[in-house]
Protein backbone atom coordinates (compact mmCIF):
# COMPACT_ATOMS: atom_id res chain seq x y z
CA MET A 1 56.47 -11.28 32.31
CA ALA A 2 56.38 -12.35 35.96
CA GLY A 3 59.33 -14.68 35.43
CA LEU A 4 61.23 -12.00 33.51
CA PHE A 5 60.74 -9.34 36.23
CA MET A 6 61.64 -11.75 39.01
CA SER A 7 64.82 -13.09 37.43
CA ALA A 8 65.92 -9.61 36.29
CA MET A 9 65.68 -8.26 39.84
CA ILE A 10 67.48 -11.27 41.32
CA ALA A 11 70.24 -11.10 38.70
CA GLY A 12 70.66 -7.36 39.19
CA ARG A 13 71.00 -7.66 42.96
CA TYR A 14 73.44 -10.57 42.67
CA VAL A 15 75.67 -8.79 40.16
CA THR A 16 75.56 -5.55 42.14
CA ARG A 17 76.74 -7.42 45.22
CA THR A 18 79.38 -9.66 43.62
CA GLY A 19 80.35 -7.98 40.34
CA LYS A 20 80.22 -11.37 38.58
CA TYR A 21 77.81 -11.43 35.67
CA LYS A 22 78.93 -14.17 33.24
CA SER A 23 77.56 -16.96 35.43
CA MET A 24 74.15 -15.26 35.51
CA MET A 25 74.24 -14.79 31.74
CA PHE A 26 75.07 -18.46 31.22
CA GLY A 27 72.41 -19.57 33.68
CA GLY A 28 69.76 -17.38 32.08
CA ALA A 29 70.58 -18.64 28.58
CA ILE A 30 70.45 -22.28 29.72
CA ILE A 31 67.09 -21.77 31.46
CA GLN A 32 65.77 -19.98 28.39
CA MET A 33 66.85 -22.88 26.20
CA ILE A 34 65.08 -25.32 28.52
CA GLY A 35 61.90 -23.22 28.39
CA ILE A 36 61.95 -23.02 24.60
CA ALA A 37 62.52 -26.78 24.38
CA LEU A 38 59.51 -27.31 26.64
CA MET A 39 57.44 -25.04 24.39
CA ALA A 40 58.50 -27.13 21.39
CA LEU A 41 57.06 -30.21 23.09
CA LEU A 42 53.54 -28.76 23.31
CA THR A 43 50.87 -30.69 21.46
CA VAL A 44 47.27 -30.06 20.47
CA ASP A 45 46.16 -31.58 23.79
CA ALA A 46 47.91 -28.89 25.85
CA ASN A 47 45.76 -26.62 27.98
CA GLN A 48 46.27 -23.00 29.03
CA TRP A 49 48.34 -23.78 32.11
CA ASP A 50 50.67 -26.02 30.11
CA VAL A 51 51.55 -22.96 28.10
CA VAL A 52 51.68 -20.55 31.07
CA TRP A 53 54.24 -22.40 33.16
CA ARG A 54 56.47 -23.01 30.16
CA LEU A 55 56.36 -19.32 29.28
CA PHE A 56 57.25 -18.58 32.91
CA VAL A 57 60.41 -20.67 32.49
CA VAL A 58 61.26 -18.80 29.30
CA GLY A 59 60.78 -15.48 31.12
CA VAL A 60 63.05 -16.57 33.98
CA GLY A 61 65.79 -17.30 31.46
CA LEU A 62 65.20 -14.09 29.54
CA GLY A 63 65.37 -11.80 32.59
CA PRO A 64 69.16 -11.65 33.06
CA SER A 65 69.77 -10.80 29.40
CA GLN A 66 67.38 -7.85 29.63
CA SER A 67 69.44 -6.11 32.31
CA LEU A 68 72.96 -7.53 32.45
CA PHE A 69 73.94 -6.85 28.84
CA ASN A 70 73.02 -3.19 29.31
CA MET A 71 74.94 -3.07 32.59
CA VAL A 72 78.08 -4.56 31.06
CA SER A 73 77.99 -2.37 27.95
CA GLN A 74 77.56 0.75 30.08
CA SER A 75 80.49 -0.25 32.29
CA ALA A 76 82.72 -1.01 29.30
CA ALA A 77 82.03 2.33 27.61
CA PRO A 78 83.75 5.58 28.64
CA MET A 79 81.74 7.88 30.85
CA ASN A 80 81.04 10.32 28.02
CA GLN A 81 79.72 7.50 25.77
CA ILE A 82 77.37 5.66 28.13
CA GLY A 83 74.36 7.08 26.30
CA VAL A 84 75.76 5.90 22.98
CA ALA A 85 76.33 2.39 24.34
CA THR A 86 72.82 2.22 25.80
CA SER A 87 71.06 3.52 22.71
CA THR A 88 73.13 1.28 20.43
CA GLY A 89 72.19 -1.77 22.49
CA MET A 90 68.49 -0.88 22.35
CA PHE A 91 68.69 -0.20 18.61
CA LEU A 92 70.37 -3.53 17.87
CA ARG A 93 67.86 -5.35 20.09
CA GLN A 94 64.94 -3.82 18.20
CA CYS A 95 66.56 -4.64 14.86
CA GLY A 96 67.08 -8.22 15.98
CA GLY A 97 63.46 -8.43 17.06
CA MET A 98 62.18 -7.15 13.73
CA ILE A 99 64.45 -9.45 11.73
CA GLY A 100 63.55 -12.41 13.95
CA VAL A 101 59.82 -11.80 13.57
CA SER A 102 60.19 -11.62 9.79
CA ILE A 103 62.27 -14.80 9.56
CA PHE A 104 60.17 -16.89 11.92
CA GLY A 105 56.96 -15.58 10.40
CA ALA A 106 58.17 -16.76 7.00
CA LEU A 107 59.15 -20.13 8.46
CA LEU A 108 55.72 -20.46 10.08
CA VAL A 109 53.92 -19.81 6.81
CA ALA A 110 56.26 -22.18 4.98
CA LYS A 111 55.58 -24.97 7.46
CA LEU A 112 51.84 -24.41 7.28
CA SER A 113 52.02 -24.38 3.49
CA GLU A 114 53.85 -27.69 3.59
CA SER A 115 51.16 -29.22 5.81
CA VAL A 116 48.35 -27.93 3.61
CA ALA A 117 50.09 -29.04 0.41
CA ALA A 118 50.49 -32.53 1.81
CA ARG A 119 46.78 -32.73 2.67
CA PHE A 120 45.31 -30.60 -0.14
CA PRO A 121 47.63 -30.51 -3.19
CA GLY A 122 47.46 -27.28 -5.13
CA VAL A 123 45.84 -25.24 -2.35
CA LYS A 124 47.61 -22.08 -1.14
CA VAL A 125 47.69 -21.44 2.59
CA ASP A 126 45.86 -18.46 4.08
CA LEU A 127 47.37 -17.95 7.54
CA GLY A 128 44.59 -15.63 8.67
CA GLN A 129 41.92 -18.11 7.62
CA LEU A 130 43.69 -20.96 9.41
CA GLN A 131 43.91 -18.87 12.57
CA ARG A 132 40.20 -18.09 12.43
CA MET A 133 39.41 -21.75 11.87
CA ALA A 134 41.60 -22.74 14.83
CA MET A 135 39.89 -20.19 17.10
CA MET A 136 36.49 -21.51 16.03
CA ALA A 137 37.52 -25.10 16.67
CA GLY A 138 35.98 -25.12 20.14
CA ASP A 139 32.69 -23.46 19.18
CA GLY A 140 30.84 -26.60 18.21
CA PRO A 141 30.05 -27.69 14.64
CA ALA A 142 31.77 -24.75 12.93
CA MET A 143 33.85 -27.21 10.90
CA PRO A 144 34.03 -30.97 10.40
CA PRO A 145 35.96 -32.84 13.12
CA GLU A 146 38.55 -34.03 10.62
CA MET A 147 39.23 -30.48 9.47
CA ARG A 148 39.33 -29.24 13.04
CA ALA A 149 41.97 -31.83 13.94
CA PHE A 150 43.96 -31.00 10.82
CA VAL A 151 44.03 -27.26 11.51
CA SER A 152 44.97 -27.73 15.17
CA THR A 153 47.70 -30.23 14.35
CA SER A 154 49.13 -28.10 11.53
CA ILE A 155 49.42 -24.99 13.69
CA SER A 156 50.84 -26.99 16.61
CA ASP A 157 53.47 -28.60 14.39
CA ALA A 158 54.39 -25.24 12.86
CA MET A 159 54.84 -23.61 16.27
CA SER A 160 56.99 -26.52 17.46
CA TYR A 161 59.07 -26.07 14.32
CA ILE A 162 59.57 -22.39 15.19
CA PHE A 163 60.59 -23.13 18.77
CA ILE A 164 63.09 -25.76 17.61
CA GLY A 165 64.61 -23.15 15.32
CA SER A 166 64.82 -20.75 18.26
CA LEU A 167 67.03 -23.23 20.10
CA PHE A 168 69.79 -22.63 17.57
CA ILE A 169 69.64 -18.88 18.20
CA VAL A 170 69.91 -19.39 21.96
CA ALA A 171 72.83 -21.77 21.36
CA ALA A 172 74.55 -19.03 19.33
CA ALA A 173 73.90 -16.61 22.20
CA ILE A 174 75.59 -19.01 24.64
CA VAL A 175 78.64 -19.14 22.37
CA ALA A 176 78.67 -15.32 22.23
CA ILE A 177 78.55 -15.12 26.04
CA VAL A 178 81.79 -17.15 26.17
CA PHE A 179 83.61 -14.27 24.46
CA ILE A 180 82.24 -11.55 26.74
CA PRO A 181 85.16 -10.42 28.93
CA GLN A 182 84.86 -10.20 32.69
CA ILE A 183 85.41 -6.55 33.52
CA THR A 184 85.07 -4.49 36.66
CA LEU A 185 81.64 -2.93 36.64
CA ARG A 186 81.49 0.82 36.99
CA GLY A 187 81.17 1.86 40.62
CA ARG A 188 82.91 -1.25 42.03
CA ALA A 189 86.59 -0.36 41.45
CA PRO A 190 88.49 1.17 44.40
CA GLY A 191 88.31 4.95 44.32
CA GLN A 192 85.81 4.94 41.49
CA ASN A 193 83.19 7.42 42.63
CA THR A 194 81.09 10.25 41.38
CA GLU A 195 83.73 12.90 42.03
CA LYS A 196 86.26 11.03 39.90
CA ALA A 197 83.75 10.61 37.10
CA VAL A 198 82.99 14.34 37.12
CA GLU A 199 86.71 15.16 37.00
CA GLU A 200 87.20 12.86 34.03
CA LEU A 201 84.46 14.68 32.16
CA SER A 202 85.84 18.11 33.04
CA PRO A 203 87.63 19.87 30.13
CA ALA A 204 90.31 21.00 32.57
CA GLY A 205 91.00 17.41 33.63
CA PRO A 206 91.42 16.14 37.20
CA VAL A 207 91.97 18.78 39.83
CA THR A 208 94.54 18.03 42.51
CA SER A 209 93.73 18.50 46.14
CA GLU A 210 96.44 21.23 46.46
CA ALA A 211 94.86 23.19 43.63
CA SER A 212 91.47 22.85 45.25
CA VAL A 213 92.80 24.17 48.54
CA ALA A 214 94.47 27.11 46.81
CA ALA A 215 91.26 27.89 44.92
CA LYS A 216 89.26 27.88 48.10
CA ALA A 217 91.84 30.15 49.79
CA ASP A 218 91.54 32.71 46.97
């Protein structure tokens, strides 16, 4: 979360100042891919800090996508449809998250089942039981050392398998970023101010300065 907040603020300030967002999107996706690749390299010998700094890298890469895609979609939409663009983006993000969790959860169970089937033919995997066994692995003689090593290695291999699969999704995101057009963000174009936005939303349309003077005189 710290990496995500930090990179999101830096990306937002940079884009606000320059109006150029595609380079930040590309950079964030590349950093995110590096972080996920580092997570895939974790082994059973990794400690807590090995995981923390890798997750920090993932967060740094994820930060720009959390803010810039919303900013671009809001700038591309007409003024009277900004709410629609924002809510649609959030809805699609939540749908992607739910679908992703379902897919990768199924892949995790499939990989664990494969590991268990190779070691214990005919035995069905119980993910909850394996998790409990892995959490008890450091509590002394809760299980034989051979079983403890097997459970730890199986879960580590399955998680690496999931992170490797995530690399393909990030690669697809990089390809999608290529097709995002570079537009002028709302508020940066000459003469684009609040008064103009209000006039565009007015049913009567833009009001000329002469009409405004005449109205004030009446």
